[in-house]
Amino acid sequence: MSVQTETHKFKIKKDDTVEVITGKDKGKRGRILRILRDKDRVVVDGLNLVKKTQRKRKQNDRGGIIEIEAPLHSSNVMIVCKKCGPTRIGYKVEGTAKKRICKKCGEAL
């Protein structure tokens, strides 16, 4: 019996502006830095900051506690439309091209 892996198609992409809809950073907006497809998570610039201890690597480096962005689950963010704010994403097929559109106003994202 083989285990079939489910491939999830992300509607959001790198450099999209998103808003966090739940959690400690609810209501904050940021740009997507990385997408972790295998774990259904995204890393958003300046959000979900966690403290991490960092060791000295070289003689002149500084060790200590730094803040880095931790991944958020993709269901906890919504893409932001320039016109109407946080929205869902739809698709519109024009010829062979497939465009992402805002579900509220129909504008291209």
PDB file of N, CA and C in Angstrom:
ATOM      1  N   MET A   1       0.845  -1.175   0.000  1.00  0.00           N
ATOM      2  CA  MET A   1       0.000   0.000   0.000  1.00  0.00           C
ATOM      3  C   MET A   1       0.892   1.241   0.000  1.00  0.00           C
ATOM      4  N   SER A   2       0.723   2.111  -0.983  1.00  0.00           N
ATOM      5  CA  SER A   2       1.565   3.314  -1.059  1.00  0.00           C
ATOM      6  C   SER A   2       0.811   4.510  -0.495  1.00  0.00           C
ATOM      7  N   VAL A   3       1.572   5.385   0.112  1.00  0.00           N
ATOM      8  CA  VAL A   3       0.993   6.595   0.674  1.00  0.00           C
ATOM      9  C   VAL A   3       1.090   7.689  -0.376  1.00  0.00           C
ATOM     10  N   GLN A   4      -0.048   8.254  -0.725  1.00  0.00           N
ATOM     11  CA  GLN A   4      -0.068   9.297  -1.744  1.00  0.00           C
ATOM     12  C   GLN A   4       0.044  10.653  -1.061  1.00  0.00           C
ATOM     13  N   THR A   5       1.022  11.434  -1.488  1.00  0.00           N
ATOM     14  CA  THR A   5       1.202  12.753  -0.897  1.00  0.00           C
ATOM     15  C   THR A   5       0.304  13.753  -1.600  1.00  0.00           C
ATOM     16  N   GLU A   6      -0.311  14.608  -0.814  1.00  0.00           N
ATOM     17  CA  GLU A   6      -1.228  15.603  -1.346  1.00  0.00           C
ATOM     18  C   GLU A   6      -0.452  16.875  -1.659  1.00  0.00           C
ATOM     19  N   THR A   7      -0.526  17.337  -2.904  1.00  0.00           N
ATOM     20  CA  THR A   7       0.151  18.574  -3.270  1.00  0.00           C
ATOM     21  C   THR A   7      -0.867  19.701  -3.222  1.00  0.00           C
ATOM     22  N   HIS A   8      -0.597  20.686  -2.382  1.00  0.00           N
ATOM     23  CA  HIS A   8      -1.500  21.806  -2.172  1.00  0.00           C
ATOM     24  C   HIS A   8      -1.056  22.959  -3.061  1.00  0.00           C
ATOM     25  N   LYS A   9      -1.970  23.497  -3.855  1.00  0.00           N
ATOM     26  CA  LYS A   9      -1.644  24.625  -4.715  1.00  0.00           C
ATOM     27  C   LYS A   9      -1.890  25.906  -3.938  1.00  0.00           C
ATOM     28  N   PHE A  10      -0.836  26.692  -3.783  1.00  0.00           N
ATOM     29  CA  PHE A  10      -0.942  27.955  -3.072  1.00  0.00           C
ATOM     30  C   PHE A  10      -1.478  29.027  -4.001  1.00  0.00           C
ATOM     31  N   LYS A  11      -2.462  29.789  -3.530  1.00  0.00           N
ATOM     32  CA  LYS A  11      -2.980  30.906  -4.300  1.00  0.00           C
ATOM     33  C   LYS A  11      -2.174  32.165  -4.025  1.00  0.00           C
ATOM     34  N   ILE A  12      -1.477  32.186  -2.889  1.00  0.00           N
ATOM     35  CA  ILE A  12      -0.633  33.340  -2.581  1.00  0.00           C
ATOM     36  C   ILE A  12       0.790  33.036  -3.032  1.00  0.00           C
ATOM     37  N   LYS A  13       1.522  34.094  -3.382  1.00  0.00           N
ATOM     38  CA  LYS A  13       2.870  33.938  -3.907  1.00  0.00           C
ATOM     39  C   LYS A  13       3.841  34.816  -3.150  1.00  0.00           C
ATOM     40  N   LYS A  14       5.115  34.597  -3.391  1.00  0.00           N
ATOM     41  CA  LYS A  14       6.163  35.404  -2.773  1.00  0.00           C
ATOM     42  C   LYS A  14       5.980  36.864  -3.178  1.00  0.00           C
ATOM     43  N   ASP A  15       6.243  37.781  -2.251  1.00  0.00           N
ATOM     44  CA  ASP A  15       6.127  39.238  -2.427  1.00  0.00           C
ATOM     45  C   ASP A  15       4.689  39.748  -2.450  1.00  0.00           C
ATOM     46  N   ASP A  16       3.690  38.899  -2.191  1.00  0.00           N
ATOM     47  CA  ASP A  16       2.307  39.365  -2.033  1.00  0.00           C
ATOM     48  C   ASP A  16       2.173  40.035  -0.664  1.00  0.00           C
ATOM     49  N   THR A  17       1.320  41.055  -0.583  1.00  0.00           N
ATOM     50  CA  THR A  17       1.012  41.666   0.710  1.00  0.00           C
ATOM     51  C   THR A  17      -0.146  40.907   1.328  1.00  0.00           C
ATOM     52  N   VAL A  18       0.040  40.474   2.574  1.00  0.00           N
ATOM     53  CA  VAL A  18      -0.996  39.706   3.259  1.00  0.00           C
ATOM     54  C   VAL A  18      -1.293  40.324   4.611  1.00  0.00           C
ATOM     55  N   GLU A  19      -2.481  39.997   5.139  1.00  0.00           N
ATOM     56  CA  GLU A  19      -2.875  40.429   6.481  1.00  0.00           C
ATOM     57  C   GLU A  19      -3.126  39.188   7.320  1.00  0.00           C
ATOM     58  N   VAL A  20      -2.643  39.211   8.558  1.00  0.00           N
ATOM     59  CA  VAL A  20      -2.853  38.092   9.485  1.00  0.00           C
ATOM     60  C   VAL A  20      -4.270  38.201  10.031  1.00  0.00           C
ATOM     61  N   ILE A  21      -5.042  37.109   9.950  1.00  0.00           N
ATOM     62  CA  ILE A  21      -6.442  37.156  10.368  1.00  0.00           C
ATOM     63  C   ILE A  21      -6.689  36.514  11.724  1.00  0.00           C
ATOM     64  N   THR A  22      -5.676  35.846  12.294  1.00  0.00           N
ATOM     65  CA  THR A  22      -5.825  35.253  13.612  1.00  0.00           C
ATOM     66  C   THR A  22      -4.463  35.099  14.275  1.00  0.00           C
ATOM     67  N   GLY A  23      -4.447  35.069  15.586  1.00  0.00           N
ATOM     68  CA  GLY A  23      -3.200  34.889  16.316  1.00  0.00           C
ATOM     69  C   GLY A  23      -2.715  36.177  16.955  1.00  0.00           C
ATOM     70  N   LYS A  24      -1.485  36.155  17.438  1.00  0.00           N
ATOM     71  CA  LYS A  24      -0.951  37.294  18.194  1.00  0.00           C
ATOM     72  C   LYS A  24      -0.720  38.529  17.337  1.00  0.00           C
ATOM     73  N   ASP A  25      -0.535  38.362  16.041  1.00  0.00           N
ATOM     74  CA  ASP A  25      -0.307  39.483  15.127  1.00  0.00           C
ATOM     75  C   ASP A  25      -1.540  39.817  14.296  1.00  0.00           C
ATOM     76  N   LYS A  26      -2.730  39.508  14.803  1.00  0.00           N
ATOM     77  CA  LYS A  26      -3.974  39.727  14.063  1.00  0.00           C
ATOM     78  C   LYS A  26      -4.109  41.195  13.646  1.00  0.00           C
ATOM     79  N   GLY A  27      -4.443  41.413  12.357  1.00  0.00           N
ATOM     80  CA  GLY A  27      -4.647  42.763  11.840  1.00  0.00           C
ATOM     81  C   GLY A  27      -3.403  43.390  11.246  1.00  0.00           C
ATOM     82  N   LYS A  28      -2.234  42.801  11.457  1.00  0.00           N
ATOM     83  CA  LYS A  28      -0.996  43.355  10.918  1.00  0.00           C
ATOM     84  C   LYS A  28      -0.776  42.871   9.491  1.00  0.00           C
ATOM     85  N   ARG A  29      -0.102  43.725   8.712  1.00  0.00           N
ATOM     86  CA  ARG A  29       0.162  43.396   7.308  1.00  0.00           C
ATOM     87  C   ARG A  29       1.653  43.290   7.060  1.00  0.00           C
ATOM     88  N   GLY A  30       2.016  42.464   6.092  1.00  0.00           N
ATOM     89  CA  GLY A  30       3.416  42.298   5.723  1.00  0.00           C
ATOM     90  C   GLY A  30       3.537  41.623   4.371  1.00  0.00           C
ATOM     91  N   ARG A  31       4.773  41.537   3.899  1.00  0.00           N
ATOM     92  CA  ARG A  31       5.075  40.945   2.595  1.00  0.00           C
ATOM     93  C   ARG A  31       5.586  39.527   2.809  1.00  0.00           C
ATOM     94  N   ILE A  32       5.201  38.601   1.936  1.00  0.00           N
ATOM     95  CA  ILE A  32       5.634  37.209   2.055  1.00  0.00           C
ATOM     96  C   ILE A  32       7.083  37.090   1.607  1.00  0.00           C
ATOM     97  N   LEU A  33       7.908  36.523   2.491  1.00  0.00           N
ATOM     98  CA  LEU A  33       9.321  36.321   2.176  1.00  0.00           C
ATOM     99  C   LEU A  33       9.583  34.936   1.604  1.00  0.00           C
ATOM    100  N   ARG A  34       8.933  33.913   2.191  1.00  0.00           N
ATOM    101  CA  ARG A  34       9.150  32.530   1.783  1.00  0.00           C
ATOM    102  C   ARG A  34       7.867  31.742   1.904  1.00  0.00           C
ATOM    103  N   ILE A  35       7.727  30.723   1.069  1.00  0.00           N
ATOM    104  CA  ILE A  35       6.586  29.808   1.155  1.00  0.00           C
ATOM    105  C   ILE A  35       7.129  28.398   1.362  1.00  0.00           C
ATOM    106  N   LEU A  36       6.662  27.744   2.428  1.00  0.00           N
ATOM    107  CA  LEU A  36       7.064  26.370   2.727  1.00  0.00           C
ATOM    108  C   LEU A  36       5.912  25.458   2.307  1.00  0.00           C
ATOM    109  N   ARG A  37       5.940  24.994   1.068  1.00  0.00           N
ATOM    110  CA  ARG A  37       4.828  24.242   0.484  1.00  0.00           C
ATOM    111  C   ARG A  37       4.574  22.912   1.187  1.00  0.00           C
ATOM    112  N   ASP A  38       5.624  22.222   1.587  1.00  0.00           N
ATOM    113  CA  ASP A  38       5.444  20.905   2.202  1.00  0.00           C
ATOM    114  C   ASP A  38       4.763  20.976   3.566  1.00  0.00           C
ATOM    115  N   LYS A  39       4.851  22.137   4.245  1.00  0.00           N
ATOM    116  CA  LYS A  39       4.241  22.288   5.566  1.00  0.00           C
ATOM    117  C   LYS A  39       3.043  23.235   5.564  1.00  0.00           C
ATOM    118  N   ASP A  40       2.626  23.738   4.400  1.00  0.00           N
ATOM    119  CA  ASP A  40       1.502  24.688   4.278  1.00  0.00           C
ATOM    120  C   ASP A  40       1.729  25.951   5.103  1.00  0.00           C
ATOM    121  N   ARG A  41       2.947  26.475   5.079  1.00  0.00           N
ATOM    122  CA  ARG A  41       3.274  27.636   5.898  1.00  0.00           C
ATOM    123  C   ARG A  41       3.921  28.735   5.061  1.00  0.00           C
ATOM    124  N   VAL A  42       3.810  29.969   5.571  1.00  0.00           N
ATOM    125  CA  VAL A  42       4.430  31.123   4.918  1.00  0.00           C
ATOM    126  C   VAL A  42       5.208  31.925   5.964  1.00  0.00           C
ATOM    127  N   VAL A  43       6.274  32.587   5.509  1.00  0.00           N
ATOM    128  CA  VAL A  43       7.058  33.467   6.372  1.00  0.00           C
ATOM    129  C   VAL A  43       6.780  34.891   5.914  1.00  0.00           C
ATOM    130  N   VAL A  44       6.265  35.723   6.836  1.00  0.00           N
ATOM    131  CA  VAL A  44       5.863  37.095   6.517  1.00  0.00           C
ATOM    132  C   VAL A  44       6.861  38.063   7.152  1.00  0.00           C
ATOM    133  N   ASP A  45       7.269  39.063   6.383  1.00  0.00           N
ATOM    134  CA  ASP A  45       8.262  40.043   6.813  1.00  0.00           C
ATOM    135  C   ASP A  45       7.787  40.827   8.035  1.00  0.00           C
ATOM    136  N   GLY A  46       8.530  40.735   9.141  1.00  0.00           N
ATOM    137  CA  GLY A  46       8.250  41.510  10.346  1.00  0.00           C
ATOM    138  C   GLY A  46       7.120  40.996  11.217  1.00  0.00           C
ATOM    139  N   LEU A  47       6.543  39.837  10.904  1.00  0.00           N
ATOM    140  CA  LEU A  47       5.438  39.293  11.694  1.00  0.00           C
ATOM    141  C   LEU A  47       5.803  37.940  12.283  1.00  0.00           C
ATOM    142  N   ASN A  48       5.113  37.578  13.374  1.00  0.00           N
ATOM    143  CA  ASN A  48       5.336  36.320  14.090  1.00  0.00           C
ATOM    144  C   ASN A  48       6.795  36.194  14.517  1.00  0.00           C
ATOM    145  N   LEU A  49       7.310  37.265  15.130  1.00  0.00           N
ATOM    146  CA  LEU A  49       8.707  37.278  15.557  1.00  0.00           C
ATOM    147  C   LEU A  49       8.900  36.417  16.796  1.00  0.00           C
ATOM    148  N   VAL A  50       9.964  35.620  16.785  1.00  0.00           N
ATOM    149  CA  VAL A  50      10.338  34.805  17.932  1.00  0.00           C
ATOM    150  C   VAL A  50      11.796  35.087  18.267  1.00  0.00           C
ATOM    151  N   LYS A  51      12.133  34.943  19.544  1.00  0.00           N
ATOM    152  CA  LYS A  51      13.517  35.167  19.970  1.00  0.00           C
ATOM    153  C   LYS A  51      14.299  33.869  19.844  1.00  0.00           C
ATOM    154  N   LYS A  52      15.533  34.003  19.346  1.00  0.00           N
ATOM    155  CA  LYS A  52      16.380  32.836  19.139  1.00  0.00           C
ATOM    156  C   LYS A  52      17.785  33.178  19.621  1.00  0.00           C
ATOM    157  N   THR A  53      18.421  32.243  20.308  1.00  0.00           N
ATOM    158  CA  THR A  53      19.791  32.479  20.737  1.00  0.00           C
ATOM    159  C   THR A  53      20.735  32.118  19.599  1.00  0.00           C
ATOM    160  N   GLN A  54      21.745  32.971  19.401  1.00  0.00           N
ATOM    161  CA  GLN A  54      22.697  32.742  18.325  1.00  0.00           C
ATOM    162  C   GLN A  54      24.097  32.727  18.908  1.00  0.00           C
ATOM    163  N   ARG A  55      24.870  31.715  18.533  1.00  0.00           N
ATOM    164  CA  ARG A  55      26.237  31.578  19.033  1.00  0.00           C
ATOM    165  C   ARG A  55      27.191  32.405  18.189  1.00  0.00           C
ATOM    166  N   LYS A  56      28.346  32.686  18.766  1.00  0.00           N
ATOM    167  CA  LYS A  56      29.405  33.352  18.015  1.00  0.00           C
ATOM    168  C   LYS A  56      29.952  32.379  16.990  1.00  0.00           C
ATOM    169  N   ARG A  57      30.056  32.793  15.756  1.00  0.00           N
ATOM    170  CA  ARG A  57      30.631  31.941  14.711  1.00  0.00           C
ATOM    171  C   ARG A  57      32.120  32.244  14.536  1.00  0.00           C
ATOM    172  N   LYS A  58      32.444  33.530  14.561  1.00  0.00           N
ATOM    173  CA  LYS A  58      33.833  33.955  14.402  1.00  0.00           C
ATOM    174  C   LYS A  58      34.221  34.805  15.599  1.00  0.00           C
ATOM    175  N   GLN A  59      35.470  35.167  15.662  1.00  0.00           N
ATOM    176  CA  GLN A  59      35.986  35.951  16.776  1.00  0.00           C
ATOM    177  C   GLN A  59      35.292  37.311  16.886  1.00  0.00           C
ATOM    178  N   ASN A  60      35.038  37.956  15.726  1.00  0.00           N
ATOM    179  CA  ASN A  60      34.471  39.305  15.745  1.00  0.00           C
ATOM    180  C   ASN A  60      32.938  39.322  15.684  1.00  0.00           C
ATOM    181  N   ASP A  61      32.288  38.161  15.577  1.00  0.00           N
ATOM    182  CA  ASP A  61      30.818  38.099  15.572  1.00  0.00           C
ATOM    183  C   ASP A  61      30.272  38.354  16.968  1.00  0.00           C
ATOM    184  N   ARG A  62      29.020  38.794  17.006  1.00  0.00           N
ATOM    185  CA  ARG A  62      28.349  38.965  18.295  1.00  0.00           C
ATOM    186  C   ARG A  62      27.324  37.856  18.468  1.00  0.00           C
ATOM    187  N   GLY A  63      27.392  37.193  19.576  1.00  0.00           N
ATOM    188  CA  GLY A  63      26.381  36.209  19.912  1.00  0.00           C
ATOM    189  C   GLY A  63      25.284  36.894  20.701  1.00  0.00           C
ATOM    190  N   GLY A  64      24.230  36.167  21.025  1.00  0.00           N
ATOM    191  CA  GLY A  64      23.176  36.745  21.837  1.00  0.00           C
ATOM    192  C   GLY A  64      21.803  36.348  21.356  1.00  0.00           C
ATOM    193  N   ILE A  65      20.808  37.098  21.792  1.00  0.00           N
ATOM    194  CA  ILE A  65      19.422  36.794  21.457  1.00  0.00           C
ATOM    195  C   ILE A  65      19.002  37.679  20.293  1.00  0.00           C
ATOM    196  N   ILE A  66      18.521  37.042  19.214  1.00  0.00           N
ATOM    197  CA  ILE A  66      18.051  37.779  18.042  1.00  0.00           C
ATOM    198  C   ILE A  66      16.580  37.460  17.810  1.00  0.00           C
ATOM    199  N   GLU A  67      15.901  38.301  17.043  1.00  0.00           N
ATOM    200  CA  GLU A  67      14.499  38.052  16.687  1.00  0.00           C
ATOM    201  C   GLU A  67      14.422  37.691  15.214  1.00  0.00           C
ATOM    202  N   ILE A  68      13.754  36.575  14.916  1.00  0.00           N
ATOM    203  CA  ILE A  68      13.563  36.150  13.536  1.00  0.00           C
ATOM    204  C   ILE A  68      12.082  35.894  13.285  1.00  0.00           C
ATOM    205  N   GLU A  69      11.702  35.890  11.997  1.00  0.00           N
ATOM    206  CA  GLU A  69      10.315  35.598  11.629  1.00  0.00           C
ATOM    207  C   GLU A  69      10.111  34.084  11.608  1.00  0.00           C
ATOM    208  N   ALA A  70       9.092  33.628  12.307  1.00  0.00           N
ATOM    209  CA  ALA A  70       8.734  32.209  12.302  1.00  0.00           C
ATOM    210  C   ALA A  70       7.613  31.998  11.287  1.00  0.00           C
ATOM    211  N   PRO A  71       7.507  30.794  10.726  1.00  0.00           N
ATOM    212  CA  PRO A  71       6.446  30.527   9.746  1.00  0.00           C
ATOM    213  C   PRO A  71       5.054  30.552  10.371  1.00  0.00           C
ATOM    214  N   LEU A  72       4.083  31.053   9.594  1.00  0.00           N
ATOM    215  CA  LEU A  72       2.663  31.047   9.957  1.00  0.00           C
ATOM    216  C   LEU A  72       1.957  30.042   9.064  1.00  0.00           C
ATOM    217  N   HIS A  73       0.869  29.456   9.542  1.00  0.00           N
ATOM    218  CA  HIS A  73       0.096  28.572   8.675  1.00  0.00           C
ATOM    219  C   HIS A  73      -0.600  29.412   7.608  1.00  0.00           C
ATOM    220  N   SER A  74      -0.675  28.882   6.398  1.00  0.00           N
ATOM    221  CA  SER A  74      -1.221  29.651   5.272  1.00  0.00           C
ATOM    222  C   SER A  74      -2.698  30.007   5.451  1.00  0.00           C
ATOM    223  N   SER A  75      -3.414  29.267   6.292  1.00  0.00           N
ATOM    224  CA  SER A  75      -4.826  29.571   6.518  1.00  0.00           C
ATOM    225  C   SER A  75      -5.013  30.783   7.424  1.00  0.00           C
ATOM    226  N   ASN A  76      -3.942  31.237   8.072  1.00  0.00           N
ATOM    227  CA  ASN A  76      -4.033  32.367   8.989  1.00  0.00           C
ATOM    228  C   ASN A  76      -3.727  33.704   8.330  1.00  0.00           C
ATOM    229  N   VAL A  77      -3.510  33.717   7.022  1.00  0.00           N
ATOM    230  CA  VAL A  77      -3.253  34.970   6.308  1.00  0.00           C
ATOM    231  C   VAL A  77      -4.214  35.102   5.126  1.00  0.00           C
ATOM    232  N   MET A  78      -4.541  36.363   4.796  1.00  0.00           N
ATOM    233  CA  MET A  78      -5.374  36.661   3.622  1.00  0.00           C
ATOM    234  C   MET A  78      -4.652  37.685   2.767  1.00  0.00           C
ATOM    235  N   ILE A  79      -4.738  37.526   1.465  1.00  0.00           N
ATOM    236  CA  ILE A  79      -4.113  38.480   0.556  1.00  0.00           C
ATOM    237  C   ILE A  79      -4.858  39.810   0.641  1.00  0.00           C
ATOM    238  N   VAL A  80      -4.132  40.920   0.433  1.00  0.00           N
ATOM    239  CA  VAL A  80      -4.714  42.253   0.536  1.00  0.00           C
ATOM    240  C   VAL A  80      -4.859  42.845  -0.863  1.00  0.00           C
ATOM    241  N   CYS A  81      -6.090  43.226  -1.203  1.00  0.00           N
ATOM    242  CA  CYS A  81      -6.379  43.919  -2.462  1.00  0.00           C
ATOM    243  C   CYS A  81      -6.118  45.411  -2.242  1.00  0.00           C
ATOM    244  N   LYS A  82      -5.592  46.089  -3.242  1.00  0.00           N
ATOM    245  CA  LYS A  82      -5.298  47.522  -3.108  1.00  0.00           C
ATOM    246  C   LYS A  82      -6.567  48.345  -2.920  1.00  0.00           C
ATOM    247  N   LYS A  83      -7.676  47.877  -3.485  1.00  0.00           N
ATOM    248  CA  LYS A  83      -8.941  48.612  -3.416  1.00  0.00           C
ATOM    249  C   LYS A  83      -9.740  48.320  -2.151  1.00  0.00           C
ATOM    250  N   CYS A  84      -9.935  47.024  -1.856  1.00  0.00           N
ATOM    251  CA  CYS A  84     -10.915  46.670  -0.821  1.00  0.00           C
ATOM    252  C   CYS A  84     -10.348  45.965   0.406  1.00  0.00           C
ATOM    253  N   GLY A  85      -9.027  45.817   0.538  1.00  0.00           N
ATOM    254  CA  GLY A  85      -8.451  45.218   1.734  1.00  0.00           C
ATOM    255  C   GLY A  85      -8.342  43.705   1.655  1.00  0.00           C
ATOM    256  N   PRO A  86      -8.382  43.007   2.804  1.00  0.00           N
ATOM    257  CA  PRO A  86      -8.228  41.545   2.805  1.00  0.00           C
ATOM    258  C   PRO A  86      -9.356  40.866   2.035  1.00  0.00           C
ATOM    259  N   THR A  87      -9.000  39.938   1.171  1.00  0.00           N
ATOM    260  CA  THR A  87      -9.988  39.285   0.313  1.00  0.00           C
ATOM    261  C   THR A  87      -9.546  37.883  -0.052  1.00  0.00           C
ATOM    262  N   ARG A  88     -10.469  37.145  -0.648  1.00  0.00           N
ATOM    263  CA  ARG A  88     -10.131  35.834  -1.194  1.00  0.00           C
ATOM    264  C   ARG A  88      -9.700  35.995  -2.651  1.00  0.00           C
ATOM    265  N   ILE A  89      -9.086  34.951  -3.193  1.00  0.00           N
ATOM    266  CA  ILE A  89      -8.551  35.012  -4.548  1.00  0.00           C
ATOM    267  C   ILE A  89      -9.392  34.145  -5.476  1.00  0.00           C
ATOM    268  N   GLY A  90      -9.715  34.695  -6.640  1.00  0.00           N
ATOM    269  CA  GLY A  90     -10.374  33.940  -7.689  1.00  0.00           C
ATOM    270  C   GLY A  90      -9.479  33.923  -8.914  1.00  0.00           C
ATOM    271  N   TYR A  91      -9.878  33.187  -9.927  1.00  0.00           N
ATOM    272  CA  TYR A  91      -9.097  33.119 -11.153  1.00  0.00           C
ATOM    273  C   TYR A  91      -9.964  33.489 -12.337  1.00  0.00           C
ATOM    274  N   LYS A  92      -9.356  34.133 -13.330  1.00  0.00           N
ATOM    275  CA  LYS A  92     -10.036  34.491 -14.564  1.00  0.00           C
ATOM    276  C   LYS A  92      -9.144  34.042 -15.711  1.00  0.00           C
ATOM    277  N   VAL A  93      -9.692  33.227 -16.604  1.00  0.00           N
ATOM    278  CA  VAL A  93      -8.918  32.702 -17.721  1.00  0.00           C
ATOM    279  C   VAL A  93      -9.152  33.584 -18.942  1.00  0.00           C
ATOM    280  N   GLU A  94      -8.060  34.119 -19.482  1.00  0.00           N
ATOM    281  CA  GLU A  94      -8.113  34.929 -20.695  1.00  0.00           C
ATOM    282  C   GLU A  94      -7.195  34.290 -21.718  1.00  0.00           C
ATOM    283  N   GLY A  95      -7.768  33.574 -22.674  1.00  0.00           N
ATOM    284  CA  GLY A  95      -6.960  32.859 -23.661  1.00  0.00           C
ATOM    285  C   GLY A  95      -6.212  31.720 -22.987  1.00  0.00           C
ATOM    286  N   THR A  96      -4.878  31.796 -23.025  1.00  0.00           N
ATOM    287  CA  THR A  96      -4.074  30.768 -22.360  1.00  0.00           C
ATOM    288  C   THR A  96      -3.576  31.245 -20.999  1.00  0.00           C
ATOM    289  N   ALA A  97      -3.757  32.544 -20.710  1.00  0.00           N
ATOM    290  CA  ALA A  97      -3.291  33.093 -19.436  1.00  0.00           C
ATOM    291  C   ALA A  97      -4.347  32.939 -18.346  1.00  0.00           C
ATOM    292  N   LYS A  98      -3.875  32.705 -17.131  1.00  0.00           N
ATOM    293  CA  LYS A  98      -4.758  32.551 -15.977  1.00  0.00           C
ATOM    294  C   LYS A  98      -4.381  33.643 -14.978  1.00  0.00           C
ATOM    295  N   LYS A  99      -5.283  34.593 -14.721  1.00  0.00           N
ATOM    296  CA  LYS A  99      -4.992  35.722 -13.841  1.00  0.00           C
ATOM    297  C   LYS A  99      -5.677  35.552 -12.499  1.00  0.00           C
ATOM    298  N   ARG A 100      -5.005  36.029 -11.444  1.00  0.00           N
ATOM    299  CA  ARG A 100      -5.602  36.041 -10.111  1.00  0.00           C
ATOM    300  C   ARG A 100      -6.403  37.332  -9.968  1.00  0.00           C
ATOM    301  N   ILE A 101      -7.627  37.215  -9.445  1.00  0.00           N
ATOM    302  CA  ILE A 101      -8.477  38.389  -9.258  1.00  0.00           C
ATOM    303  C   ILE A 101      -9.018  38.428  -7.833  1.00  0.00           C
ATOM    304  N   CYS A 102      -9.417  39.632  -7.411  1.00  0.00           N
ATOM    305  CA  CYS A 102     -10.048  39.836  -6.109  1.00  0.00           C
ATOM    306  C   CYS A 102     -11.489  39.353  -6.200  1.00  0.00           C
ATOM    307  N   LYS A 103     -11.937  38.584  -5.207  1.00  0.00           N
ATOM    308  CA  LYS A 103     -13.313  38.083  -5.212  1.00  0.00           C
ATOM    309  C   LYS A 103     -14.333  39.174  -4.930  1.00  0.00           C
ATOM    310  N   LYS A 104     -13.913  40.261  -4.229  1.00  0.00           N
ATOM    311  CA  LYS A 104     -14.846  41.324  -3.878  1.00  0.00           C
ATOM    312  C   LYS A 104     -15.101  42.277  -5.038  1.00  0.00           C
ATOM    313  N   CYS A 105     -13.993  42.795  -5.640  1.00  0.00           N
ATOM    314  CA  CYS A 105     -14.154  43.838  -6.652  1.00  0.00           C
ATOM    315  C   CYS A 105     -13.812  43.382  -8.062  1.00  0.00           C
ATOM    316  N   GLY A 106     -13.184  42.237  -8.225  1.00  0.00           N
ATOM    317  CA  GLY A 106     -12.856  41.727  -9.557  1.00  0.00           C
ATOM    318  C   GLY A 106     -11.573  42.287 -10.138  1.00  0.00           C
ATOM    319  N   GLU A 107     -10.846  43.097  -9.377  1.00  0.00           N
ATOM    320  CA  GLU A 107      -9.596  43.674  -9.861  1.00  0.00           C
ATOM    321  C   GLU A 107      -8.470  42.648  -9.847  1.00  0.00           C
ATOM    322  N   ALA A 108      -7.545  42.758 -10.812  1.00  0.00           N
ATOM    323  CA  ALA A 108      -6.397  41.839 -10.895  1.00  0.00           C
ATOM    324  C   ALA A 108      -5.453  42.075  -9.717  1.00  0.00           C
ATOM    325  N   LEU A 109      -4.928  40.973  -9.184  1.00  0.00           N
ATOM    326  CA  LEU A 109      -3.996  41.072  -8.043  1.00  0.00           C
ATOM    327  C   LEU A 109      -2.561  41.005  -8.514  1.00  0.00           C
TER     328      LEU A 109
END
